[in-house]
C-alpha atoms as a PDB file:
ATOM      1  CA  MET A   1      -5.884   8.109  -3.255  1.00  0.00           C
ATOM      2  CA  SER A   2      -3.654   5.575  -5.004  1.00  0.00           C
ATOM      3  CA  LYS A   3      -4.957   3.626  -7.956  1.00  0.00           C
ATOM      4  CA  GLY A   4      -6.776   0.486  -6.839  1.00  0.00           C
ATOM      5  CA  THR A   5      -7.303   1.781  -3.287  1.00  0.00           C
ATOM      6  CA  ARG A   6     -10.857   1.743  -2.000  1.00  0.00           C
ATOM      7  CA  ASN A   7     -12.340   4.179   0.458  1.00  0.00           C
ATOM      8  CA  THR A   8     -13.875   2.145   3.279  1.00  0.00           C
ATOM      9  CA  TYR A   9     -16.158   5.013   4.238  1.00  0.00           C
ATOM     10  CA  ALA A  10     -17.666   5.520   0.772  1.00  0.00           C
ATOM     11  CA  ILE A  11     -21.180   4.088   0.529  1.00  0.00           C
ATOM     12  CA  PRO A  12     -23.418   4.300  -2.544  1.00  0.00           C
ATOM     13  CA  ASP A  13     -25.850   7.256  -2.283  1.00  0.00           C
ATOM     14  CA  MET A  14     -24.238   8.430   0.951  1.00  0.00           C
ATOM     15  CA  ASP A  15     -24.716  12.047  -0.119  1.00  0.00           C
ATOM     16  CA  LYS A  16     -28.480  11.491   0.096  1.00  0.00           C
ATOM     17  CA  MET A  17     -28.381  10.009   3.626  1.00  0.00           C
ATOM     18  CA  SER A  18     -28.854  11.654   6.983  1.00  0.00           C
ATOM     19  CA  PRO A  19     -25.960  11.202   9.445  1.00  0.00           C
ATOM     20  CA  GLU A  20     -27.929   8.478  11.239  1.00  0.00           C
ATOM     21  CA  GLU A  21     -28.688   6.613   8.014  1.00  0.00           C
ATOM     22  CA  TYR A  22     -25.030   6.853   6.959  1.00  0.00           C
ATOM     23  CA  ARG A  23     -23.829   5.525  10.328  1.00  0.00           C
ATOM     24  CA  ALA A  24     -26.222   2.575  10.133  1.00  0.00           C
ATOM     25  CA  ALA A  25     -25.248   1.826   6.518  1.00  0.00           C
ATOM     26  CA  LEU A  26     -21.536   2.051   7.351  1.00  0.00           C
ATOM     27  CA  GLN A  27     -21.947  -0.249  10.348  1.00  0.00           C
ATOM     28  CA  LYS A  28     -23.858  -2.736   8.200  1.00  0.00           C
ATOM     29  CA  THR A  29     -21.146  -2.814   5.513  1.00  0.00           C
ATOM     30  CA  VAL A  30     -18.403  -3.270   8.111  1.00  0.00           C
ATOM     31  CA  ILE A  31     -20.263  -6.194   9.717  1.00  0.00           C
ATOM     32  CA  GLU A  32     -20.922  -7.781   6.312  1.00  0.00           C
ATOM     33  CA  LYS A  33     -17.235  -7.509   5.377  1.00  0.00           C
ATOM     34  CA  GLN A  34     -16.169  -9.021   8.712  1.00  0.00           C
ATOM     35  CA  GLU A  35     -18.592 -11.921   8.282  1.00  0.00           C
ATOM     36  CA  ALA A  36     -17.385 -12.521   4.702  1.00  0.00           C
ATOM     37  CA  ARG A  37     -13.743 -12.593   5.886  1.00  0.00           C
ATOM     38  CA  MET A  38     -14.682 -14.958   8.687  1.00  0.00           C
ATOM     39  CA  ARG A  39     -16.430 -17.371   6.305  1.00  0.00           C
ATOM     40  CA  LYS A  40     -13.561 -17.180   3.812  1.00  0.00           C
ATOM     41  CA  ARG A  41     -10.917 -17.878   6.459  1.00  0.00           C
ATOM     42  CA  GLY A  42     -12.769 -20.646   8.249  1.00  0.00           C
ATOM     43  CA  GLY A  43     -13.722 -18.583  11.274  1.00  0.00           C
ATOM     44  CA  ARG A  44     -10.276 -17.214  12.019  1.00  0.00           C
ATOM     45  CA  ILE A  45      -9.946 -13.443  11.665  1.00  0.00           C
ATOM     46  CA  GLY A  46      -8.660 -10.458  13.580  1.00  0.00           C
ATOM     47  CA  ASN A  47      -7.499 -11.145  17.121  1.00  0.00           C
ATOM     48  CA  ILE A  48      -7.923 -14.894  16.709  1.00  0.00           C
ATOM     49  CA  VAL A  49      -5.351 -14.964  13.908  1.00  0.00           C
ATOM     50  CA  SER A  50      -2.965 -12.716  15.849  1.00  0.00           C
ATOM     51  CA  ARG A  51      -3.284 -14.883  18.935  1.00  0.00           C
ATOM     52  CA  ASP A  52      -2.687 -18.074  16.943  1.00  0.00           C
ATOM     53  CA  TYR A  53       0.417 -16.529  15.362  1.00  0.00           C
ATOM     54  CA  MET A  54       1.837 -15.450  18.734  1.00  0.00           C
ATOM     55  CA  ASP A  55       1.069 -18.865  20.188  1.00  0.00           C
ATOM     56  CA  SER A  56       2.920 -20.548  17.331  1.00  0.00           C
ATOM     57  CA  LEU A  57       5.999 -18.445  18.125  1.00  0.00           C
ATOM     58  CA  SER A  58       5.929 -19.356  21.799  1.00  0.00           C
ATOM     59  CA  ASN A  59       5.047 -23.038  21.315  1.00  0.00           C
ATOM     60  CA  ASN A  60       1.958 -22.384  23.404  1.00  0.00           C
ATOM     61  CA  ALA A  61      -0.622 -23.494  20.849  1.00  0.00           C
ATOM     62  CA  ARG A  62      -4.226 -23.327  21.954  1.00  0.00           C
ATOM     63  CA  SER A  63      -6.510 -26.306  21.882  1.00  0.00           C
ATOM     64  CA  GLU A  64      -9.234 -26.673  19.292  1.00  0.00           C
ATOM     65  CA  GLU A  65     -11.732 -26.154  22.147  1.00  0.00           C
ATOM     66  CA  ASP A  66     -10.179 -22.760  22.918  1.00  0.00           C
ATOM     67  CA  ASN A  67     -10.356 -21.801  19.252  1.00  0.00           C
ATOM     68  CA  GLU A  68     -13.996 -22.871  19.017  1.00  0.00           C
ATOM     69  CA  ALA A  69     -14.814 -20.913  22.189  1.00  0.00           C
ATOM     70  CA  ALA A  70     -13.167 -17.802  20.715  1.00  0.00           C
ATOM     71  CA  ILE A  71     -15.177 -18.213  17.507  1.00  0.00           C
ATOM     72  CA  ARG A  72     -18.398 -18.612  19.523  1.00  0.00           C
ATOM     73  CA  ARG A  73     -17.597 -15.426  21.466  1.00  0.00           C
ATOM     74  CA  TYR A  74     -16.999 -13.585  18.191  1.00  0.00           C
ATOM     75  CA  GLU A  75     -20.297 -14.842  16.750  1.00  0.00           C
ATOM     76  CA  GLU A  76     -22.159 -13.867  19.938  1.00  0.00           C
ATOM     77  CA  GLU A  77     -20.624 -10.386  19.820  1.00  0.00           C
ATOM     78  CA  THR A  78     -21.592 -10.018  16.153  1.00  0.00           C
ATOM     79  CA  GLU A  79     -25.167 -11.049  16.977  1.00  0.00           C
ATOM     80  CA  ARG A  80     -25.244  -8.617  19.912  1.00  0.00           C
ATOM     81  CA  ARG A  81     -24.118  -5.768  17.631  1.00  0.00           C
ATOM     82  CA  LYS A  82     -26.822  -6.662  15.097  1.00  0.00           C
ATOM     83  CA  ASN A  83     -29.436  -6.624  17.866  1.00  0.00           C
ATOM     84  CA  LEU A  84     -28.227  -3.242  19.113  1.00  0.00           C
ATOM     85  CA  GLU A  85     -28.353  -1.906  15.567  1.00  0.00           C
ATOM     86  CA  GLY A  86     -31.934  -3.157  15.228  1.00  0.00           C
ATOM     87  CA  GLN A  87     -32.902  -1.576  18.534  1.00  0.00           C
ATOM     88  CA  ALA A  88     -31.354   1.743  17.476  1.00  0.00           C
ATOM     89  CA  LYS A  89     -33.301   1.618  14.211  1.00  0.00           C
ATOM     90  CA  LEU A  90     -36.550   0.988  16.103  1.00  0.00           C
ATOM     91  CA  ARG A  91     -35.818   3.941  18.410  1.00  0.00           C
ATOM     92  CA  ASP A  92     -35.088   6.116  15.372  1.00  0.00           C
ATOM     93  CA  ASP A  93     -38.298   4.966  13.702  1.00  0.00           C
ATOM     94  CA  TRP A  94     -40.277   5.836  16.811  1.00  0.00           C
ATOM     95  CA  GLY A  95     -38.351   9.066  17.422  1.00  0.00           C
ATOM     96  CA  THR A  96     -37.113   8.053  20.868  1.00  0.00           C
ATOM     97  CA  LYS A  97     -33.652   7.899  22.384  1.00  0.00           C
END
C-alpha cells in the first residue's frame, strides 16, 4: 500500500473479532464516516453531489425543495440501516436468525 493510504477495512482489534462482530464494526465505521462527510459538506454527498453536478451541466438545476427531499431520503435510509443493524444485533444476542 502506498504511503499515506489507509485501508478502509482495517478496524482496531479486528483480529480478535468474530466475522459477525467484524461486519457490524465495519458497517458502523462506514456509517459514521458517511455521516461525518454529510455534516462537513452541508448535507450534500454521494449521489446528491453527482446529480447537482450533472444538473449544472444541463442547466436543469433542482429546486431547494428537491435537494431537501433528497437529504431527507438519505437521512431516513441511514436511520433505517441503523435500525436494521440494531435488530441484527438483538437477533445475534438471542441466538436467532
